[in-house]
Amino acid sequence: MSQQHWKVILPAGERAVSVATGLGWAAAVTSTNFLRTFTSGGAQANVIWLKGDVVTCAGRGNFLGVVYHGGECGMDGTQNLNYSVYDVLGDCEIATGKLSAIR
């Protein structure tokens, strides 16, 4: 198995805050709420703007799950979280919704 090494330089003021990998792809969610996907060779594929700050992301096979803030915290500290699931290789969002409120 050959090893491939590559790096990405993000635009000024943008930094990766969560990363994930899957079968033939890698993804980074950045401080500017962009979800950037890359091929296994390092070429940027899609850029998607998320509607809130990322909490985490995880990948498996073709799929990427992203959890992000869906709005401000409630007065009692409740977090409003949303999720999206993408088929990275199929280039489409396959599920989206709200998660239960978390304190």
PDB file of N, CA and C in Angstrom:
ATOM      1  N   MET A   1       0.846  -1.167   0.000  1.00  0.00           N
ATOM      2  CA  MET A   1       0.000   0.000   0.000  1.00  0.00           C
ATOM      3  C   MET A   1       0.898   1.237   0.000  1.00  0.00           C
ATOM      4  N   SER A   2       0.634   2.147  -0.908  1.00  0.00           N
ATOM      5  CA  SER A   2       1.430   3.376  -0.948  1.00  0.00           C
ATOM      6  C   SER A   2       0.831   4.417  -0.007  1.00  0.00           C
ATOM      7  N   GLN A   3       1.668   5.272   0.512  1.00  0.00           N
ATOM      8  CA  GLN A   3       1.217   6.342   1.392  1.00  0.00           C
ATOM      9  C   GLN A   3       1.171   7.630   0.598  1.00  0.00           C
ATOM     10  N   GLN A   4       0.075   8.359   0.776  1.00  0.00           N
ATOM     11  CA  GLN A   4      -0.054   9.653   0.122  1.00  0.00           C
ATOM     12  C   GLN A   4      -0.042  10.741   1.184  1.00  0.00           C
ATOM     13  N   HIS A   5       0.702  11.784   0.926  1.00  0.00           N
ATOM     14  CA  HIS A   5       0.750  12.921   1.839  1.00  0.00           C
ATOM     15  C   HIS A   5       0.386  14.173   1.056  1.00  0.00           C
ATOM     16  N   TRP A   6      -0.465  14.976   1.634  1.00  0.00           N
ATOM     17  CA  TRP A   6      -0.821  16.258   1.047  1.00  0.00           C
ATOM     18  C   TRP A   6      -1.283  17.182   2.153  1.00  0.00           C
ATOM     19  N   LYS A   7      -1.276  18.451   1.873  1.00  0.00           N
ATOM     20  CA  LYS A   7      -1.776  19.409   2.847  1.00  0.00           C
ATOM     21  C   LYS A   7      -2.561  20.480   2.115  1.00  0.00           C
ATOM     22  N   VAL A   8      -3.416  21.148   2.864  1.00  0.00           N
ATOM     23  CA  VAL A   8      -4.265  22.191   2.313  1.00  0.00           C
ATOM     24  C   VAL A   8      -3.993  23.474   3.084  1.00  0.00           C
ATOM     25  N   ILE A   9      -3.841  24.551   2.381  1.00  0.00           N
ATOM     26  CA  ILE A   9      -3.708  25.860   3.012  1.00  0.00           C
ATOM     27  C   ILE A   9      -5.048  26.563   2.859  1.00  0.00           C
ATOM     28  N   LEU A  10      -5.680  26.835   3.990  1.00  0.00           N
ATOM     29  CA  LEU A  10      -6.991  27.480   3.990  1.00  0.00           C
ATOM     30  C   LEU A  10      -6.820  28.986   3.818  1.00  0.00           C
ATOM     31  N   PRO A  11      -7.887  29.657   3.376  1.00  0.00           N
ATOM     32  CA  PRO A  11      -7.820  31.112   3.243  1.00  0.00           C
ATOM     33  C   PRO A  11      -7.476  31.777   4.579  1.00  0.00           C
ATOM     34  N   ALA A  12      -6.911  32.970   4.516  1.00  0.00           N
ATOM     35  CA  ALA A  12      -6.530  33.716   5.721  1.00  0.00           C
ATOM     36  C   ALA A  12      -7.724  33.855   6.657  1.00  0.00           C
ATOM     37  N   GLY A  13      -7.494  33.604   7.942  1.00  0.00           N
ATOM     38  CA  GLY A  13      -8.540  33.733   8.945  1.00  0.00           C
ATOM     39  C   GLY A  13      -9.436  32.522   9.086  1.00  0.00           C
ATOM     40  N   GLU A  14      -9.214  31.499   8.306  1.00  0.00           N
ATOM     41  CA  GLU A  14     -10.027  30.280   8.353  1.00  0.00           C
ATOM     42  C   GLU A  14      -9.157  29.142   8.888  1.00  0.00           C
ATOM     43  N   ARG A  15      -9.712  28.353   9.828  1.00  0.00           N
ATOM     44  CA  ARG A  15      -8.950  27.226  10.359  1.00  0.00           C
ATOM     45  C   ARG A  15      -9.865  26.011  10.490  1.00  0.00           C
ATOM     46  N   ALA A  16      -9.305  24.840  10.392  1.00  0.00           N
ATOM     47  CA  ALA A  16     -10.068  23.601  10.548  1.00  0.00           C
ATOM     48  C   ALA A  16     -10.417  23.418  12.017  1.00  0.00           C
ATOM     49  N   VAL A  17     -11.688  23.126  12.305  1.00  0.00           N
ATOM     50  CA  VAL A  17     -12.108  22.890  13.683  1.00  0.00           C
ATOM     51  C   VAL A  17     -12.592  21.454  13.896  1.00  0.00           C
ATOM     52  N   SER A  18     -12.885  20.733  12.810  1.00  0.00           N
ATOM     53  CA  SER A  18     -13.261  19.329  12.898  1.00  0.00           C
ATOM     54  C   SER A  18     -12.926  18.668  11.560  1.00  0.00           C
ATOM     55  N   VAL A  19     -12.387  17.449  11.623  1.00  0.00           N
ATOM     56  CA  VAL A  19     -12.031  16.729  10.400  1.00  0.00           C
ATOM     57  C   VAL A  19     -12.555  15.304  10.469  1.00  0.00           C
ATOM     58  N   ALA A  20     -12.741  14.715   9.298  1.00  0.00           N
ATOM     59  CA  ALA A  20     -13.201  13.331   9.202  1.00  0.00           C
ATOM     60  C   ALA A  20     -12.684  12.731   7.902  1.00  0.00           C
ATOM     61  N   THR A  21     -12.594  11.403   7.876  1.00  0.00           N
ATOM     62  CA  THR A  21     -12.205  10.707   6.655  1.00  0.00           C
ATOM     63  C   THR A  21     -13.169   9.563   6.403  1.00  0.00           C
ATOM     64  N   GLY A  22     -13.175   9.138   5.157  1.00  0.00           N
ATOM     65  CA  GLY A  22     -13.991   7.999   4.766  1.00  0.00           C
ATOM     66  C   GLY A  22     -13.281   7.247   3.661  1.00  0.00           C
ATOM     67  N   LEU A  23     -14.026   6.502   2.892  1.00  0.00           N
ATOM     68  CA  LEU A  23     -13.477   5.682   1.822  1.00  0.00           C
ATOM     69  C   LEU A  23     -13.181   6.549   0.600  1.00  0.00           C
ATOM     70  N   GLY A  24     -11.930   6.989   0.457  1.00  0.00           N
ATOM     71  CA  GLY A  24     -11.528   7.774  -0.696  1.00  0.00           C
ATOM     72  C   GLY A  24     -11.762   9.263  -0.579  1.00  0.00           C
ATOM     73  N   TRP A  25     -11.970   9.779   0.617  1.00  0.00           N
ATOM     74  CA  TRP A  25     -12.221  11.216   0.793  1.00  0.00           C
ATOM     75  C   TRP A  25     -11.803  11.658   2.189  1.00  0.00           C
ATOM     76  N   ALA A  26     -11.663  12.950   2.352  1.00  0.00           N
ATOM     77  CA  ALA A  26     -11.427  13.591   3.643  1.00  0.00           C
ATOM     78  C   ALA A  26     -12.272  14.856   3.677  1.00  0.00           C
ATOM     79  N   ALA A  27     -12.599  15.318   4.875  1.00  0.00           N
ATOM     80  CA  ALA A  27     -13.406  16.527   5.014  1.00  0.00           C
ATOM     81  C   ALA A  27     -12.908  17.343   6.189  1.00  0.00           C
ATOM     82  N   ALA A  28     -13.077  18.644   6.081  1.00  0.00           N
ATOM     83  CA  ALA A  28     -12.760  19.563   7.169  1.00  0.00           C
ATOM     84  C   ALA A  28     -13.892  20.566   7.280  1.00  0.00           C
ATOM     85  N   VAL A  29     -14.339  20.803   8.512  1.00  0.00           N
ATOM     86  CA  VAL A  29     -15.282  21.884   8.772  1.00  0.00           C
ATOM     87  C   VAL A  29     -14.457  22.996   9.403  1.00  0.00           C
ATOM     88  N   THR A  30     -14.641  24.213   8.908  1.00  0.00           N
ATOM     89  CA  THR A  30     -13.762  25.303   9.305  1.00  0.00           C
ATOM     90  C   THR A  30     -14.450  26.310  10.226  1.00  0.00           C
ATOM     91  N   SER A  31     -13.639  27.205  10.739  1.00  0.00           N
ATOM     92  CA  SER A  31     -14.114  28.233  11.658  1.00  0.00           C
ATOM     93  C   SER A  31     -15.082  29.210  11.002  1.00  0.00           C
ATOM     94  N   THR A  32     -15.170  29.197   9.689  1.00  0.00           N
ATOM     95  CA  THR A  32     -16.115  30.050   8.966  1.00  0.00           C
ATOM     96  C   THR A  32     -17.353  29.268   8.522  1.00  0.00           C
ATOM     97  N   ASN A  33     -17.545  28.085   9.123  1.00  0.00           N
ATOM     98  CA  ASN A  33     -18.707  27.212   8.887  1.00  0.00           C
ATOM     99  C   ASN A  33     -18.746  26.609   7.484  1.00  0.00           C
ATOM    100  N   PHE A  34     -17.595  26.524   6.825  1.00  0.00           N
ATOM    101  CA  PHE A  34     -17.539  25.835   5.545  1.00  0.00           C
ATOM    102  C   PHE A  34     -17.193  24.374   5.769  1.00  0.00           C
ATOM    103  N   LEU A  35     -17.911  23.497   5.100  1.00  0.00           N
ATOM    104  CA  LEU A  35     -17.592  22.082   5.033  1.00  0.00           C
ATOM    105  C   LEU A  35     -16.858  21.885   3.713  1.00  0.00           C
ATOM    106  N   ARG A  36     -15.592  21.544   3.800  1.00  0.00           N
ATOM    107  CA  ARG A  36     -14.769  21.360   2.604  1.00  0.00           C
ATOM    108  C   ARG A  36     -14.437  19.883   2.467  1.00  0.00           C
ATOM    109  N   THR A  37     -14.757  19.295   1.318  1.00  0.00           N
ATOM    110  CA  THR A  37     -14.422  17.891   1.074  1.00  0.00           C
ATOM    111  C   THR A  37     -13.295  17.811   0.059  1.00  0.00           C
ATOM    112  N   PHE A  38     -12.503  16.747   0.207  1.00  0.00           N
ATOM    113  CA  PHE A  38     -11.320  16.552  -0.618  1.00  0.00           C
ATOM    114  C   PHE A  38     -11.250  15.110  -1.081  1.00  0.00           C
ATOM    115  N   THR A  39     -10.675  14.899  -2.260  1.00  0.00           N
ATOM    116  CA  THR A  39     -10.426  13.543  -2.733  1.00  0.00           C
ATOM    117  C   THR A  39      -9.247  12.970  -1.953  1.00  0.00           C
ATOM    118  N   SER A  40      -9.050  11.679  -2.068  1.00  0.00           N
ATOM    119  CA  SER A  40      -7.922  11.057  -1.369  1.00  0.00           C
ATOM    120  C   SER A  40      -6.584  11.569  -1.898  1.00  0.00           C
ATOM    121  N   GLY A  41      -6.569  12.158  -3.086  1.00  0.00           N
ATOM    122  CA  GLY A  41      -5.350  12.745  -3.639  1.00  0.00           C
ATOM    123  C   GLY A  41      -5.119  14.182  -3.216  1.00  0.00           C
ATOM    124  N   GLY A  42      -6.084  14.774  -2.479  1.00  0.00           N
ATOM    125  CA  GLY A  42      -5.919  16.124  -1.965  1.00  0.00           C
ATOM    126  C   GLY A  42      -6.609  17.218  -2.747  1.00  0.00           C
ATOM    127  N   ALA A  43      -7.290  16.878  -3.831  1.00  0.00           N
ATOM    128  CA  ALA A  43      -8.012  17.897  -4.605  1.00  0.00           C
ATOM    129  C   ALA A  43      -9.311  18.268  -3.889  1.00  0.00           C
ATOM    130  N   GLN A  44      -9.579  19.568  -3.789  1.00  0.00           N
ATOM    131  CA  GLN A  44     -10.823  19.993  -3.150  1.00  0.00           C
ATOM    132  C   GLN A  44     -11.996  19.626  -4.043  1.00  0.00           C
ATOM    133  N   ALA A  45     -13.026  19.063  -3.441  1.00  0.00           N
ATOM    134  CA  ALA A  45     -14.225  18.675  -4.186  1.00  0.00           C
ATOM    135  C   ALA A  45     -15.302  19.735  -3.950  1.00  0.00           C
ATOM    136  N   ASN A  46     -16.141  19.543  -2.941  1.00  0.00           N
ATOM    137  CA  ASN A  46     -17.254  20.461  -2.687  1.00  0.00           C
ATOM    138  C   ASN A  46     -16.974  21.361  -1.501  1.00  0.00           C
ATOM    139  N   VAL A  47     -17.623  22.509  -1.513  1.00  0.00           N
ATOM    140  CA  VAL A  47     -17.617  23.428  -0.375  1.00  0.00           C
ATOM    141  C   VAL A  47     -19.076  23.741  -0.069  1.00  0.00           C
ATOM    142  N   ILE A  48     -19.481  23.461   1.164  1.00  0.00           N
ATOM    143  CA  ILE A  48     -20.866  23.684   1.601  1.00  0.00           C
ATOM    144  C   ILE A  48     -20.830  24.588   2.819  1.00  0.00           C
ATOM    145  N   TRP A  49     -21.718  25.574   2.865  1.00  0.00           N
ATOM    146  CA  TRP A  49     -21.795  26.450   4.021  1.00  0.00           C
ATOM    147  C   TRP A  49     -22.818  25.886   4.994  1.00  0.00           C
ATOM    148  N   LEU A  50     -22.400  25.669   6.244  1.00  0.00           N
ATOM    149  CA  LEU A  50     -23.298  25.188   7.285  1.00  0.00           C
ATOM    150  C   LEU A  50     -23.978  26.373   7.952  1.00  0.00           C
ATOM    151  N   LYS A  51     -25.187  26.170   8.435  1.00  0.00           N
ATOM    152  CA  LYS A  51     -25.983  27.254   9.006  1.00  0.00           C
ATOM    153  C   LYS A  51     -25.637  27.572  10.456  1.00  0.00           C
ATOM    154  N   GLY A  52     -24.647  26.887  11.010  1.00  0.00           N
ATOM    155  CA  GLY A  52     -24.248  27.139  12.393  1.00  0.00           C
ATOM    156  C   GLY A  52     -22.857  26.611  12.661  1.00  0.00           C
ATOM    157  N   ASP A  53     -22.322  26.956  13.818  1.00  0.00           N
ATOM    158  CA  ASP A  53     -20.984  26.505  14.203  1.00  0.00           C
ATOM    159  C   ASP A  53     -20.964  24.999  14.404  1.00  0.00           C
ATOM    160  N   VAL A  54     -19.906  24.356  13.932  1.00  0.00           N
ATOM    161  CA  VAL A  54     -19.793  22.903  14.022  1.00  0.00           C
ATOM    162  C   VAL A  54     -19.555  22.466  15.468  1.00  0.00           C
ATOM    163  N   VAL A  55     -20.126  21.319  15.803  1.00  0.00           N
ATOM    164  CA  VAL A  55     -19.856  20.648  17.074  1.00  0.00           C
ATOM    165  C   VAL A  55     -18.871  19.518  16.809  1.00  0.00           C
ATOM    166  N   THR A  56     -19.175  18.683  15.814  1.00  0.00           N
ATOM    167  CA  THR A  56     -18.291  17.579  15.440  1.00  0.00           C
ATOM    168  C   THR A  56     -18.706  17.036  14.079  1.00  0.00           C
ATOM    169  N   CYS A  57     -17.822  16.210  13.506  1.00  0.00           N
ATOM    170  CA  CYS A  57     -18.162  15.479  12.294  1.00  0.00           C
ATOM    171  C   CYS A  57     -17.481  14.121  12.357  1.00  0.00           C
ATOM    172  N   ALA A  58     -18.040  13.169  11.619  1.00  0.00           N
ATOM    173  CA  ALA A  58     -17.482  11.814  11.588  1.00  0.00           C
ATOM    174  C   ALA A  58     -17.777  11.198  10.232  1.00  0.00           C
ATOM    175  N   GLY A  59     -16.849  10.365   9.765  1.00  0.00           N
ATOM    176  CA  GLY A  59     -17.028   9.728   8.474  1.00  0.00           C
ATOM    177  C   GLY A  59     -16.913   8.229   8.548  1.00  0.00           C
ATOM    178  N   ARG A  60     -17.597   7.571   7.596  1.00  0.00           N
ATOM    179  CA  ARG A  60     -17.486   6.120   7.439  1.00  0.00           C
ATOM    180  C   ARG A  60     -17.936   5.765   6.035  1.00  0.00           C
ATOM    181  N   GLY A  61     -17.093   5.042   5.323  1.00  0.00           N
ATOM    182  CA  GLY A  61     -17.436   4.676   3.950  1.00  0.00           C
ATOM    183  C   GLY A  61     -17.647   5.921   3.109  1.00  0.00           C
ATOM    184  N   ASN A  62     -18.806   5.989   2.451  1.00  0.00           N
ATOM    185  CA  ASN A  62     -19.156   7.156   1.634  1.00  0.00           C
ATOM    186  C   ASN A  62     -19.762   8.286   2.452  1.00  0.00           C
ATOM    187  N   PHE A  63     -20.072   8.033   3.718  1.00  0.00           N
ATOM    188  CA  PHE A  63     -20.935   8.940   4.471  1.00  0.00           C
ATOM    189  C   PHE A  63     -20.190   9.829   5.461  1.00  0.00           C
ATOM    190  N   LEU A  64     -20.704  11.049   5.584  1.00  0.00           N
ATOM    191  CA  LEU A  64     -20.177  12.043   6.504  1.00  0.00           C
ATOM    192  C   LEU A  64     -21.339  12.598   7.314  1.00  0.00           C
ATOM    193  N   GLY A  65     -21.214  12.540   8.636  1.00  0.00           N
ATOM    194  CA  GLY A  65     -22.204  13.134   9.518  1.00  0.00           C
ATOM    195  C   GLY A  65     -21.630  14.377  10.165  1.00  0.00           C
ATOM    196  N   VAL A  66     -22.423  15.445  10.197  1.00  0.00           N
ATOM    197  CA  VAL A  66     -21.987  16.716  10.787  1.00  0.00           C
ATOM    198  C   VAL A  66     -23.040  17.171  11.781  1.00  0.00           C
ATOM    199  N   VAL A  67     -22.619  17.528  12.987  1.00  0.00           N
ATOM    200  CA  VAL A  67     -23.509  18.099  14.003  1.00  0.00           C
ATOM    201  C   VAL A  67     -23.077  19.546  14.197  1.00  0.00           C
ATOM    202  N   TYR A  68     -24.053  20.454  14.166  1.00  0.00           N
ATOM    203  CA  TYR A  68     -23.748  21.874  14.289  1.00  0.00           C
ATOM    204  C   TYR A  68     -24.836  22.581  15.088  1.00  0.00           C
ATOM    205  N   HIS A  69     -24.495  23.768  15.594  1.00  0.00           N
ATOM    206  CA  HIS A  69     -25.448  24.551  16.377  1.00  0.00           C
ATOM    207  C   HIS A  69     -26.543  25.082  15.459  1.00  0.00           C
ATOM    208  N   GLY A  70     -27.791  24.912  15.904  1.00  0.00           N
ATOM    209  CA  GLY A  70     -28.928  25.374  15.126  1.00  0.00           C
ATOM    210  C   GLY A  70     -29.478  26.700  15.603  1.00  0.00           C
ATOM    211  N   GLY A  71     -28.851  27.307  16.574  1.00  0.00           N
ATOM    212  CA  GLY A  71     -29.314  28.584  17.104  1.00  0.00           C
ATOM    213  C   GLY A  71     -28.643  28.856  18.431  1.00  0.00           C
ATOM    214  N   GLU A  72     -29.054  29.941  19.045  1.00  0.00           N
ATOM    215  CA  GLU A  72     -28.495  30.337  20.338  1.00  0.00           C
ATOM    216  C   GLU A  72     -28.919  29.367  21.435  1.00  0.00           C
ATOM    217  N   CYS A  73     -28.146  29.313  22.498  1.00  0.00           N
ATOM    218  CA  CYS A  73     -28.491  28.510  23.667  1.00  0.00           C
ATOM    219  C   CYS A  73     -29.743  29.093  24.320  1.00  0.00           C
ATOM    220  N   GLY A  74     -30.539  28.230  24.912  1.00  0.00           N
ATOM    221  CA  GLY A  74     -31.687  28.692  25.674  1.00  0.00           C
ATOM    222  C   GLY A  74     -31.235  29.308  26.990  1.00  0.00           C
ATOM    223  N   MET A  75     -32.123  30.024  27.644  1.00  0.00           N
ATOM    224  CA  MET A  75     -31.771  30.671  28.917  1.00  0.00           C
ATOM    225  C   MET A  75     -31.379  29.659  29.975  1.00  0.00           C
ATOM    226  N   ASP A  76     -31.855  28.423  29.842  1.00  0.00           N
ATOM    227  CA  ASP A  76     -31.508  27.375  30.796  1.00  0.00           C
ATOM    228  C   ASP A  76     -30.256  26.597  30.388  1.00  0.00           C
ATOM    229  N   GLY A  77     -29.564  27.063  29.324  1.00  0.00           N
ATOM    230  CA  GLY A  77     -28.344  26.408  28.876  1.00  0.00           C
ATOM    231  C   GLY A  77     -28.568  25.316  27.843  1.00  0.00           C
ATOM    232  N   THR A  78     -29.797  25.115  27.417  1.00  0.00           N
ATOM    233  CA  THR A  78     -30.116  24.091  26.427  1.00  0.00           C
ATOM    234  C   THR A  78     -29.444  24.409  25.092  1.00  0.00           C
ATOM    235  N   GLN A  79     -28.777  23.425  24.520  1.00  0.00           N
ATOM    236  CA  GLN A  79     -28.136  23.570  23.213  1.00  0.00           C
ATOM    237  C   GLN A  79     -29.127  23.165  22.119  1.00  0.00           C
ATOM    238  N   ASN A  80     -29.235  23.964  21.081  1.00  0.00           N
ATOM    239  CA  ASN A  80     -30.046  23.635  19.913  1.00  0.00           C
ATOM    240  C   ASN A  80     -29.117  23.095  18.838  1.00  0.00           C
ATOM    241  N   LEU A  81     -29.188  21.787  18.587  1.00  0.00           N
ATOM    242  CA  LEU A  81     -28.266  21.143  17.655  1.00  0.00           C
ATOM    243  C   LEU A  81     -29.003  20.570  16.454  1.00  0.00           C
ATOM    244  N   ASN A  82     -28.393  20.722  15.291  1.00  0.00           N
ATOM    245  CA  ASN A  82     -28.895  20.144  14.048  1.00  0.00           C
ATOM    246  C   ASN A  82     -27.860  19.158  13.516  1.00  0.00           C
ATOM    247  N   TYR A  83     -28.287  18.326  12.570  1.00  0.00           N
ATOM    248  CA  TYR A  83     -27.350  17.403  11.928  1.00  0.00           C
ATOM    249  C   TYR A  83     -27.616  17.358  10.434  1.00  0.00           C
ATOM    250  N   SER A  84     -26.590  16.989   9.695  1.00  0.00           N
ATOM    251  CA  SER A  84     -26.706  16.686   8.272  1.00  0.00           C
ATOM    252  C   SER A  84     -25.862  15.457   8.008  1.00  0.00           C
ATOM    253  N   VAL A  85     -26.355  14.602   7.115  1.00  0.00           N
ATOM    254  CA  VAL A  85     -25.606  13.425   6.673  1.00  0.00           C
ATOM    255  C   VAL A  85     -25.447  13.548   5.163  1.00  0.00           C
ATOM    256  N   TYR A  86     -24.213  13.395   4.706  1.00  0.00           N
ATOM    257  CA  TYR A  86     -23.894  13.532   3.293  1.00  0.00           C
ATOM    258  C   TYR A  86     -23.351  12.226   2.740  1.00  0.00           C
ATOM    259  N   ASP A  87     -23.702  11.928   1.494  1.00  0.00           N
ATOM    260  CA  ASP A  87     -23.021  10.899   0.715  1.00  0.00           C
ATOM    261  C   ASP A  87     -21.943  11.659  -0.045  1.00  0.00           C
ATOM    262  N   VAL A  88     -20.724  11.628   0.460  1.00  0.00           N
ATOM    263  CA  VAL A  88     -19.655  12.456  -0.088  1.00  0.00           C
ATOM    264  C   VAL A  88     -19.359  12.075  -1.532  1.00  0.00           C
ATOM    265  N   LEU A  89     -19.242  10.782  -1.822  1.00  0.00           N
ATOM    266  CA  LEU A  89     -18.911  10.360  -3.181  1.00  0.00           C
ATOM    267  C   LEU A  89     -20.091  10.539  -4.127  1.00  0.00           C
ATOM    268  N   GLY A  90     -21.313  10.465  -3.600  1.00  0.00           N
ATOM    269  CA  GLY A  90     -22.507  10.694  -4.409  1.00  0.00           C
ATOM    270  C   GLY A  90     -22.861  12.160  -4.539  1.00  0.00           C
ATOM    271  N   ASP A  91     -22.133  13.027  -3.810  1.00  0.00           N
ATOM    272  CA  ASP A  91     -22.291  14.470  -3.893  1.00  0.00           C
ATOM    273  C   ASP A  91     -23.716  14.924  -3.562  1.00  0.00           C
ATOM    274  N   CYS A  92     -24.249  14.417  -2.407  1.00  0.00           N
ATOM    275  CA  CYS A  92     -25.590  14.861  -2.030  1.00  0.00           C
ATOM    276  C   CYS A  92     -25.804  14.739  -0.519  1.00  0.00           C
ATOM    277  N   GLU A  93     -26.696  15.585  -0.023  1.00  0.00           N
ATOM    278  CA  GLU A  93     -27.134  15.499   1.371  1.00  0.00           C
ATOM    279  C   GLU A  93     -28.260  14.482   1.416  1.00  0.00           C
ATOM    280  N   ILE A  94     -28.167  13.508   2.322  1.00  0.00           N
ATOM    281  CA  ILE A  94     -29.189  12.467   2.347  1.00  0.00           C
ATOM    282  C   ILE A  94     -30.115  12.558   3.558  1.00  0.00           C
ATOM    283  N   ALA A  95     -29.728  13.340   4.566  1.00  0.00           N
ATOM    284  CA  ALA A  95     -30.599  13.510   5.736  1.00  0.00           C
ATOM    285  C   ALA A  95     -30.204  14.796   6.449  1.00  0.00           C
ATOM    286  N   THR A  96     -31.191  15.424   7.059  1.00  0.00           N
ATOM    287  CA  THR A  96     -30.949  16.620   7.856  1.00  0.00           C
ATOM    288  C   THR A  96     -32.058  16.725   8.890  1.00  0.00           C
ATOM    289  N   GLY A  97     -31.769  17.354  10.004  1.00  0.00           N
ATOM    290  CA  GLY A  97     -32.805  17.495  11.015  1.00  0.00           C
ATOM    291  C   GLY A  97     -32.280  18.100  12.296  1.00  0.00           C
ATOM    292  N   LYS A  98     -33.124  18.083  13.307  1.00  0.00           N
ATOM    293  CA  LYS A  98     -32.785  18.619  14.622  1.00  0.00           C
ATOM    294  C   LYS A  98     -32.550  17.465  15.584  1.00  0.00           C
ATOM    295  N   LEU A  99     -31.603  17.657  16.492  1.00  0.00           N
ATOM    296  CA  LEU A  99     -31.365  16.693  17.557  1.00  0.00           C
ATOM    297  C   LEU A  99     -32.126  17.132  18.795  1.00  0.00           C
ATOM    298  N   SER A 100     -32.328  16.226  19.694  1.00  0.00           N
ATOM    299  CA  SER A 100     -32.957  16.582  20.964  1.00  0.00           C
ATOM    300  C   SER A 100     -32.122  17.633  21.667  1.00  0.00           C
ATOM    301  N   ALA A 101     -32.785  18.518  22.366  1.00  0.00           N
ATOM    302  CA  ALA A 101     -32.083  19.577  23.102  1.00  0.00           C
ATOM    303  C   ALA A 101     -31.219  18.941  24.187  1.00  0.00           C
ATOM    304  N   ILE A 102     -30.014  19.487  24.356  1.00  0.00           N
ATOM    305  CA  ILE A 102     -29.059  18.935  25.316  1.00  0.00           C
ATOM    306  C   ILE A 102     -28.666  20.035  26.302  1.00  0.00           C
ATOM    307  N   ARG A 103     -28.641  19.720  27.570  1.00  0.00           N
ATOM    308  CA  ARG A 103     -28.190  20.683  28.580  1.00  0.00           C
ATOM    309  C   ARG A 103     -26.796  20.376  29.013  1.00  0.00           C
TER     310      ARG A 103
END
